[in-house]
Amino acid sequence: METRELVQKVCPPIAVMGSMFYFDPATLARGKEAGLDGFRLYALGRGGVLGDVEATVVHSAFGYFNPDLIAKIWNSAKEVMAPRDGGRLYMECAAAFGAAKLSDVAGLDAFNAAADKVIDAGLVDSSAQALFAAIASEPRSGEAAARAFQNVAVLRELRGSLHLVAIVASGLSTEMAHRVRRPDDVEMFGWTNDAEVTDEHRAKWEAAEALTDDLVAPIYGVLDDAEAQALADGVAAIEAALTG
């Protein structure tokens, strides 16, 4: 399997699956125990790996959201829990989600070995990828199913961070990128529905997508044929378990 084919095969389902634990009932229950609602747990959990930083730093790593919304949610969330604790809680939630959903999936050891290799390759030079570097530096479970889902979440942030780089390089604001990609969710991300998406915006989005694949491919290129197949098979098996 060619590397670019592998990237285009596994990254779209990883993007979907890696966020599945965010608002899962078990995750929300852990947040409630800690005094955090779902959105504040999301902001603190995802962004907490960056440390006790200003909201502007979180927005720079997230993109897409209205900065005022991030400031409101982040600042109120870190009054309840220290950001690093929130980040580690979220990784625990990801592990619990994997253990609950993927325990019967075969081939996870080979998947994890391949995923770990990609993540390690991404960390060799993670310039401009603060969110990926931060989450990848957190400890991951030694149990196969738990680690597999954590790896999915980390790989999601790998492409997501590089996609943010590509969006900026393509001359598209993250607000307009979000409007192109998720036109029905703009208000949830703190934007009003008064900006028009044009063909130029769509063209820049497509250019950013292509550039993202260009940036991601060398990282996945560390895998040999057997490892690439193990990664692809693992993604397919995990997707079947989560969506079947």
C-alpha atoms as a PDB file:
ATOM      1  CA  MET A   1       0.000   0.000   0.000  1.00  0.00           C
ATOM      2  CA  GLU A   2       1.405   3.387  -1.002  1.00  0.00           C
ATOM      3  CA  THR A   3       1.807   5.813   1.896  1.00  0.00           C
ATOM      4  CA  ARG A   4      -0.542   8.436   0.472  1.00  0.00           C
ATOM      5  CA  GLU A   5      -3.169   5.735  -0.087  1.00  0.00           C
ATOM      6  CA  LEU A   6      -2.740   4.665   3.540  1.00  0.00           C
ATOM      7  CA  VAL A   7      -3.146   8.252   4.763  1.00  0.00           C
ATOM      8  CA  GLN A   8      -6.298   8.773   2.714  1.00  0.00           C
ATOM      9  CA  LYS A   9      -7.658   5.437   3.889  1.00  0.00           C
ATOM     10  CA  VAL A  10      -7.109   5.741   7.634  1.00  0.00           C
ATOM     11  CA  CYS A  11      -7.188   9.455   8.432  1.00  0.00           C
ATOM     12  CA  PRO A  12     -10.886  10.133   7.695  1.00  0.00           C
ATOM     13  CA  PRO A  13     -12.174   7.393  10.038  1.00  0.00           C
ATOM     14  CA  ILE A  14      -9.577   8.344  12.642  1.00  0.00           C
ATOM     15  CA  ALA A  15     -10.877  11.922  12.525  1.00  0.00           C
ATOM     16  CA  VAL A  16     -14.400  10.683  13.254  1.00  0.00           C
ATOM     17  CA  MET A  17     -13.543   8.007  15.796  1.00  0.00           C
ATOM     18  CA  GLY A  18     -11.029  10.008  17.792  1.00  0.00           C
ATOM     19  CA  SER A  19     -13.739  12.359  19.036  1.00  0.00           C
ATOM     20  CA  MET A  20     -16.303   9.699  19.903  1.00  0.00           C
ATOM     21  CA  PHE A  21     -15.433   9.654  23.576  1.00  0.00           C
ATOM     22  CA  TYR A  22     -15.763  13.427  24.027  1.00  0.00           C
ATOM     23  CA  PHE A  23     -19.473  13.407  24.829  1.00  0.00           C
ATOM     24  CA  ASP A  24     -19.933   9.716  25.583  1.00  0.00           C
ATOM     25  CA  PRO A  25     -22.170   9.208  28.644  1.00  0.00           C
ATOM     26  CA  ALA A  26     -19.351   7.660  30.652  1.00  0.00           C
ATOM     27  CA  THR A  27     -17.082  10.611  29.873  1.00  0.00           C
ATOM     28  CA  LEU A  28     -19.796  13.093  30.785  1.00  0.00           C
ATOM     29  CA  ALA A  29     -20.346  11.245  34.057  1.00  0.00           C
ATOM     30  CA  ARG A  30     -16.644  11.574  34.930  1.00  0.00           C
ATOM     31  CA  GLY A  31     -16.849  15.265  34.146  1.00  0.00           C
ATOM     32  CA  LYS A  32     -19.940  15.707  36.291  1.00  0.00           C
ATOM     33  CA  GLU A  33     -18.150  14.048  39.207  1.00  0.00           C
ATOM     34  CA  ALA A  34     -15.382  16.624  38.769  1.00  0.00           C
ATOM     35  CA  GLY A  35     -17.839  19.532  38.546  1.00  0.00           C
ATOM     36  CA  LEU A  36     -17.453  20.073  34.797  1.00  0.00           C
ATOM     37  CA  ASP A  37     -20.207  20.054  32.192  1.00  0.00           C
ATOM     38  CA  GLY A  38     -19.580  18.406  28.837  1.00  0.00           C
ATOM     39  CA  PHE A  39     -18.261  21.437  26.973  1.00  0.00           C
ATOM     40  CA  ARG A  40     -15.986  22.556  29.823  1.00  0.00           C
ATOM     41  CA  LEU A  41     -14.652  19.033  30.178  1.00  0.00           C
ATOM     42  CA  TYR A  42     -14.023  19.011  26.428  1.00  0.00           C
ATOM     43  CA  ALA A  43     -12.092  22.288  26.508  1.00  0.00           C
ATOM     44  CA  LEU A  44     -10.116  21.440  29.636  1.00  0.00           C
ATOM     45  CA  GLY A  45      -9.610  17.817  28.627  1.00  0.00           C
ATOM     46  CA  ARG A  46      -8.377  18.533  25.132  1.00  0.00           C
ATOM     47  CA  GLY A  47      -6.513  21.702  25.963  1.00  0.00           C
ATOM     48  CA  GLY A  48      -5.277  20.773  29.410  1.00  0.00           C
ATOM     49  CA  VAL A  49      -2.357  18.829  27.961  1.00  0.00           C
ATOM     50  CA  LEU A  50      -0.941  22.250  27.033  1.00  0.00           C
ATOM     51  CA  GLY A  51      -0.729  23.219  30.698  1.00  0.00           C
ATOM     52  CA  ASP A  52      -2.085  26.186  32.646  1.00  0.00           C
ATOM     53  CA  VAL A  53      -1.988  28.576  29.716  1.00  0.00           C
ATOM     54  CA  GLU A  54      -4.037  31.550  28.613  1.00  0.00           C
ATOM     55  CA  ALA A  55      -7.166  31.015  26.543  1.00  0.00           C
ATOM     56  CA  THR A  56      -5.441  32.573  23.540  1.00  0.00           C
ATOM     57  CA  VAL A  57      -2.947  29.713  23.577  1.00  0.00           C
ATOM     58  CA  VAL A  58      -5.741  27.140  23.633  1.00  0.00           C
ATOM     59  CA  HIS A  59      -7.432  28.870  20.732  1.00  0.00           C
ATOM     60  CA  SER A  60      -4.183  28.882  18.767  1.00  0.00           C
ATOM     61  CA  ALA A  61      -4.016  25.098  19.181  1.00  0.00           C
ATOM     62  CA  PHE A  62      -7.724  24.408  18.576  1.00  0.00           C
ATOM     63  CA  GLY A  63      -8.507  26.894  15.806  1.00  0.00           C
ATOM     64  CA  TYR A  64     -12.039  26.886  14.328  1.00  0.00           C
ATOM     65  CA  PHE A  65     -13.774  28.211  17.465  1.00  0.00           C
ATOM     66  CA  ASN A  66     -14.663  31.818  18.169  1.00  0.00           C
ATOM     67  CA  PRO A  67     -11.870  32.962  20.526  1.00  0.00           C
ATOM     68  CA  ASP A  68     -14.396  34.586  22.871  1.00  0.00           C
ATOM     69  CA  LEU A  69     -16.168  31.254  23.328  1.00  0.00           C
ATOM     70  CA  ILE A  70     -12.910  29.460  24.082  1.00  0.00           C
ATOM     71  CA  ALA A  71     -11.979  32.131  26.623  1.00  0.00           C
ATOM     72  CA  LYS A  72     -15.327  31.844  28.389  1.00  0.00           C
ATOM     73  CA  ILE A  73     -15.288  28.042  28.577  1.00  0.00           C
ATOM     74  CA  TRP A  74     -11.580  27.609  29.296  1.00  0.00           C
ATOM     75  CA  ASN A  75     -11.331  30.220  32.008  1.00  0.00           C
ATOM     76  CA  SER A  76     -14.398  28.948  33.841  1.00  0.00           C
ATOM     77  CA  ALA A  77     -13.288  25.318  33.512  1.00  0.00           C
ATOM     78  CA  LYS A  78      -9.848  25.862  34.979  1.00  0.00           C
ATOM     79  CA  GLU A  79     -11.421  27.450  38.035  1.00  0.00           C
ATOM     80  CA  VAL A  80     -12.815  23.979  38.755  1.00  0.00           C
ATOM     81  CA  MET A  81      -9.826  21.789  37.872  1.00  0.00           C
ATOM     82  CA  ALA A  82      -6.164  22.357  37.066  1.00  0.00           C
ATOM     83  CA  PRO A  83      -5.640  22.054  33.304  1.00  0.00           C
ATOM     84  CA  ARG A  84      -3.041  19.269  33.458  1.00  0.00           C
ATOM     85  CA  ASP A  85      -5.380  17.273  35.684  1.00  0.00           C
ATOM     86  CA  GLY A  86      -8.159  17.847  33.161  1.00  0.00           C
ATOM     87  CA  GLY A  87      -5.950  16.656  30.320  1.00  0.00           C
ATOM     88  CA  ARG A  88      -5.028  13.490  32.184  1.00  0.00           C
ATOM     89  CA  LEU A  89      -8.650  12.889  33.138  1.00  0.00           C
ATOM     90  CA  TYR A  90      -9.570  13.075  29.453  1.00  0.00           C
ATOM     91  CA  MET A  91      -6.877  10.564  28.533  1.00  0.00           C
ATOM     92  CA  GLU A  92      -8.270   8.276  31.236  1.00  0.00           C
ATOM     93  CA  CYS A  93     -11.722   8.700  29.682  1.00  0.00           C
ATOM     94  CA  ALA A  94     -10.291   7.766  26.280  1.00  0.00           C
ATOM     95  CA  ALA A  95      -8.710   4.662  27.789  1.00  0.00           C
ATOM     96  CA  ALA A  96     -11.966   3.691  29.510  1.00  0.00           C
ATOM     97  CA  PHE A  97     -13.871   4.182  26.254  1.00  0.00           C
ATOM     98  CA  GLY A  98     -11.440   1.914  24.424  1.00  0.00           C
ATOM     99  CA  ALA A  99     -11.527  -0.749  27.120  1.00  0.00           C
ATOM    100  CA  ALA A 100     -15.336  -0.764  27.039  1.00  0.00           C
ATOM    101  CA  LYS A 101     -15.754  -0.742  23.265  1.00  0.00           C
ATOM    102  CA  LEU A 102     -12.759  -2.557  21.796  1.00  0.00           C
ATOM    103  CA  SER A 103     -12.011  -5.485  24.094  1.00  0.00           C
ATOM    104  CA  ASP A 104     -13.168  -8.022  21.479  1.00  0.00           C
ATOM    105  CA  VAL A 105     -11.300  -6.480  18.537  1.00  0.00           C
ATOM    106  CA  ALA A 106      -8.524  -8.660  17.110  1.00  0.00           C
ATOM    107  CA  GLY A 107      -5.154  -7.387  15.953  1.00  0.00           C
ATOM    108  CA  LEU A 108      -4.832  -4.494  18.390  1.00  0.00           C
ATOM    109  CA  ASP A 109      -1.255  -5.300  19.406  1.00  0.00           C
ATOM    110  CA  ALA A 110      -0.095  -4.967  15.799  1.00  0.00           C
ATOM    111  CA  PHE A 111      -2.214  -1.838  15.369  1.00  0.00           C
ATOM    112  CA  ASN A 112      -0.741  -0.289  18.492  1.00  0.00           C
ATOM    113  CA  ALA A 113       2.813  -1.076  17.405  1.00  0.00           C
ATOM    114  CA  ALA A 114       2.211   0.645  14.074  1.00  0.00           C
ATOM    115  CA  ALA A 115       0.363   3.580  15.637  1.00  0.00           C
ATOM    116  CA  ASP A 116       3.093   4.065  18.230  1.00  0.00           C
ATOM    117  CA  LYS A 117       5.679   4.134  15.444  1.00  0.00           C
ATOM    118  CA  VAL A 118       3.752   6.840  13.566  1.00  0.00           C
ATOM    119  CA  ILE A 119       3.298   8.903  16.734  1.00  0.00           C
ATOM    120  CA  ASP A 120       7.002   8.610  17.576  1.00  0.00           C
ATOM    121  CA  ALA A 121       7.868   9.692  14.028  1.00  0.00           C
ATOM    122  CA  GLY A 122       5.586  12.689  14.376  1.00  0.00           C
ATOM    123  CA  LEU A 123       7.383  13.734  17.550  1.00  0.00           C
ATOM    124  CA  VAL A 124      10.784  13.793  15.844  1.00  0.00           C
ATOM    125  CA  ASP A 125       9.880  17.255  14.541  1.00  0.00           C
ATOM    126  CA  SER A 126       6.529  18.416  15.883  1.00  0.00           C
ATOM    127  CA  SER A 127       7.110  22.085  15.052  1.00  0.00           C
ATOM    128  CA  ALA A 128       3.832  24.070  14.891  1.00  0.00           C
ATOM    129  CA  GLN A 129       1.942  21.067  16.273  1.00  0.00           C
ATOM    130  CA  ALA A 130       1.585  21.975  19.942  1.00  0.00           C
ATOM    131  CA  LEU A 131      -1.650  20.076  20.582  1.00  0.00           C
ATOM    132  CA  PHE A 132      -0.369  16.869  19.007  1.00  0.00           C
ATOM    133  CA  ALA A 133       2.973  17.104  20.795  1.00  0.00           C
ATOM    134  CA  ALA A 134       1.232  17.709  24.117  1.00  0.00           C
ATOM    135  CA  ILE A 135      -1.239  14.838  23.932  1.00  0.00           C
ATOM    136  CA  ALA A 136       1.383  12.472  22.503  1.00  0.00           C
ATOM    137  CA  SER A 137       3.587  13.218  25.499  1.00  0.00           C
ATOM    138  CA  GLU A 138       0.933  12.038  27.947  1.00  0.00           C
ATOM    139  CA  PRO A 139       1.252   8.445  29.227  1.00  0.00           C
ATOM    140  CA  ARG A 140      -0.917   5.866  27.469  1.00  0.00           C
ATOM    141  CA  SER A 141      -2.322   2.632  28.812  1.00  0.00           C
ATOM    142  CA  GLY A 142      -0.490  -0.681  28.627  1.00  0.00           C
ATOM    143  CA  GLU A 143      -3.774  -2.516  28.010  1.00  0.00           C
ATOM    144  CA  ALA A 144      -4.324  -3.133  24.295  1.00  0.00           C
ATOM    145  CA  ALA A 145      -7.920  -1.952  23.870  1.00  0.00           C
ATOM    146  CA  ALA A 146      -7.478   1.117  26.046  1.00  0.00           C
ATOM    147  CA  ARG A 147      -4.230   2.078  24.334  1.00  0.00           C
ATOM    148  CA  ALA A 148      -5.701   1.495  20.882  1.00  0.00           C
ATOM    149  CA  PHE A 149      -8.366   4.114  21.386  1.00  0.00           C
ATOM    150  CA  GLN A 150      -5.913   6.520  23.002  1.00  0.00           C
ATOM    151  CA  ASN A 151      -3.723   6.057  19.927  1.00  0.00           C
ATOM    152  CA  VAL A 152      -6.683   6.875  17.699  1.00  0.00           C
ATOM    153  CA  ALA A 153      -7.222  10.076  19.690  1.00  0.00           C
ATOM    154  CA  VAL A 154      -3.540  11.019  19.410  1.00  0.00           C
ATOM    155  CA  LEU A 155      -3.433  10.292  15.668  1.00  0.00           C
ATOM    156  CA  ARG A 156      -6.500  12.489  15.270  1.00  0.00           C
ATOM    157  CA  GLU A 157      -4.606  15.380  16.835  1.00  0.00           C
ATOM    158  CA  LEU A 158      -1.594  14.656  14.623  1.00  0.00           C
ATOM    159  CA  ARG A 159      -3.514  15.239  11.415  1.00  0.00           C
ATOM    160  CA  GLY A 160      -5.628  17.949  13.031  1.00  0.00           C
ATOM    161  CA  SER A 161      -2.577  19.978  14.019  1.00  0.00           C
ATOM    162  CA  LEU A 162      -1.063  19.661  10.562  1.00  0.00           C
ATOM    163  CA  HIS A 163      -4.397  20.507   8.974  1.00  0.00           C
ATOM    164  CA  LEU A 164      -4.466  23.728  10.995  1.00  0.00           C
ATOM    165  CA  VAL A 165      -1.014  24.540   9.614  1.00  0.00           C
ATOM    166  CA  ALA A 166      -2.274  23.826   6.097  1.00  0.00           C
ATOM    167  CA  ILE A 167      -5.389  25.968   6.581  1.00  0.00           C
ATOM    168  CA  VAL A 168      -3.293  28.962   7.579  1.00  0.00           C
ATOM    169  CA  ALA A 169      -0.788  28.324   4.782  1.00  0.00           C
ATOM    170  CA  SER A 170      -3.638  28.196   2.269  1.00  0.00           C
ATOM    171  CA  GLY A 171      -4.819  31.668   3.258  1.00  0.00           C
ATOM    172  CA  LEU A 172      -8.074  30.539   4.831  1.00  0.00           C
ATOM    173  CA  SER A 173      -9.188  31.644   8.275  1.00  0.00           C
ATOM    174  CA  THR A 174     -10.154  28.839  10.605  1.00  0.00           C
ATOM    175  CA  GLU A 175     -13.597  30.387  10.950  1.00  0.00           C
ATOM    176  CA  MET A 176     -14.211  30.089   7.208  1.00  0.00           C
ATOM    177  CA  ALA A 177     -12.644  26.652   7.143  1.00  0.00           C
ATOM    178  CA  HIS A 178     -15.149  25.603   9.747  1.00  0.00           C
ATOM    179  CA  ARG A 179     -17.990  27.122   7.744  1.00  0.00           C
ATOM    180  CA  VAL A 180     -16.897  25.156   4.675  1.00  0.00           C
ATOM    181  CA  ARG A 181     -16.456  21.882   6.545  1.00  0.00           C
ATOM    182  CA  ARG A 182     -19.315  22.043   9.060  1.00  0.00           C
ATOM    183  CA  PRO A 183     -21.879  24.592   7.862  1.00  0.00           C
ATOM    184  CA  ASP A 184     -24.521  23.312  10.282  1.00  0.00           C
ATOM    185  CA  ASP A 185     -22.319  23.690  13.374  1.00  0.00           C
ATOM    186  CA  VAL A 186     -21.130  27.287  13.143  1.00  0.00           C
ATOM    187  CA  GLU A 187     -23.232  28.534  16.065  1.00  0.00           C
ATOM    188  CA  MET A 188     -22.046  25.711  18.312  1.00  0.00           C
ATOM    189  CA  PHE A 189     -18.496  26.931  17.686  1.00  0.00           C
ATOM    190  CA  GLY A 190     -19.466  30.453  18.694  1.00  0.00           C
ATOM    191  CA  TRP A 191     -19.984  32.068  15.301  1.00  0.00           C
ATOM    192  CA  THR A 192     -23.058  33.825  13.964  1.00  0.00           C
ATOM    193  CA  ASN A 193     -24.603  32.834  10.652  1.00  0.00           C
ATOM    194  CA  ASP A 194     -23.744  35.969   8.711  1.00  0.00           C
ATOM    195  CA  ALA A 195     -20.593  35.065   6.756  1.00  0.00           C
ATOM    196  CA  GLU A 196     -20.979  33.777   3.211  1.00  0.00           C
ATOM    197  CA  VAL A 197     -18.929  30.833   1.997  1.00  0.00           C
ATOM    198  CA  THR A 198     -17.650  31.470  -1.515  1.00  0.00           C
ATOM    199  CA  ASP A 199     -16.077  29.321  -4.208  1.00  0.00           C
ATOM    200  CA  GLU A 200     -12.743  30.871  -3.269  1.00  0.00           C
ATOM    201  CA  HIS A 201     -13.128  29.633   0.295  1.00  0.00           C
ATOM    202  CA  ARG A 202     -13.974  26.156  -0.967  1.00  0.00           C
ATOM    203  CA  ALA A 203     -10.967  26.140  -3.287  1.00  0.00           C
ATOM    204  CA  LYS A 204      -8.661  27.135  -0.427  1.00  0.00           C
ATOM    205  CA  TRP A 205     -10.197  24.381   1.688  1.00  0.00           C
ATOM    206  CA  GLU A 206      -9.439  21.802  -0.993  1.00  0.00           C
ATOM    207  CA  ALA A 207      -5.890  23.127  -1.282  1.00  0.00           C
ATOM    208  CA  ALA A 208      -5.488  22.802   2.491  1.00  0.00           C
ATOM    209  CA  GLU A 209      -6.763  19.229   2.410  1.00  0.00           C
ATOM    210  CA  ALA A 210      -4.211  18.299  -0.253  1.00  0.00           C
ATOM    211  CA  LEU A 211      -1.416  20.075   1.632  1.00  0.00           C
ATOM    212  CA  THR A 212      -2.385  18.256   4.830  1.00  0.00           C
ATOM    213  CA  ASP A 213      -1.938  14.906   3.097  1.00  0.00           C
ATOM    214  CA  ASP A 214       1.452  16.125   1.855  1.00  0.00           C
ATOM    215  CA  LEU A 215       2.472  16.968   5.426  1.00  0.00           C
ATOM    216  CA  VAL A 216       1.106  13.792   6.994  1.00  0.00           C
ATOM    217  CA  ALA A 217       2.398  11.293   4.439  1.00  0.00           C
ATOM    218  CA  PRO A 218       6.115  11.410   5.371  1.00  0.00           C
ATOM    219  CA  ILE A 219       5.226  10.649   8.982  1.00  0.00           C
ATOM    220  CA  TYR A 220       3.153   7.598   8.074  1.00  0.00           C
ATOM    221  CA  GLY A 221       5.912   6.702   5.615  1.00  0.00           C
ATOM    222  CA  VAL A 222       8.013   5.248   8.460  1.00  0.00           C
ATOM    223  CA  LEU A 223       5.831   2.134   8.309  1.00  0.00           C
ATOM    224  CA  ASP A 224       6.865  -0.853   6.224  1.00  0.00           C
ATOM    225  CA  ASP A 225       4.271  -2.735   4.204  1.00  0.00           C
ATOM    226  CA  ALA A 226       3.306  -5.109   7.008  1.00  0.00           C
ATOM    227  CA  GLU A 227       3.007  -2.299   9.538  1.00  0.00           C
ATOM    228  CA  ALA A 228       0.949  -0.176   7.143  1.00  0.00           C
ATOM    229  CA  GLN A 229      -1.419  -3.090   6.625  1.00  0.00           C
ATOM    230  CA  ALA A 230      -1.666  -3.662  10.377  1.00  0.00           C
ATOM    231  CA  LEU A 231      -2.565  -0.013  10.871  1.00  0.00           C
ATOM    232  CA  ALA A 232      -5.183  -0.072   8.105  1.00  0.00           C
ATOM    233  CA  ASP A 233      -6.660  -3.351   9.340  1.00  0.00           C
ATOM    234  CA  GLY A 234      -6.740  -2.042  12.890  1.00  0.00           C
ATOM    235  CA  VAL A 235      -8.510   1.154  11.895  1.00  0.00           C
ATOM    236  CA  ALA A 236     -11.089  -0.851   9.939  1.00  0.00           C
ATOM    237  CA  ALA A 237     -11.669  -3.241  12.846  1.00  0.00           C
ATOM    238  CA  ILE A 238     -11.960  -0.410  15.380  1.00  0.00           C
ATOM    239  CA  GLU A 239     -14.371   1.435  13.104  1.00  0.00           C
ATOM    240  CA  ALA A 240     -16.506  -1.692  12.758  1.00  0.00           C
ATOM    241  CA  ALA A 241     -16.603  -2.106  16.537  1.00  0.00           C
ATOM    242  CA  LEU A 242     -17.553   1.526  17.147  1.00  0.00           C
ATOM    243  CA  THR A 243     -20.080   1.965  14.359  1.00  0.00           C
ATOM    244  CA  GLY A 244     -21.337  -1.530  13.588  1.00  0.00           C
END
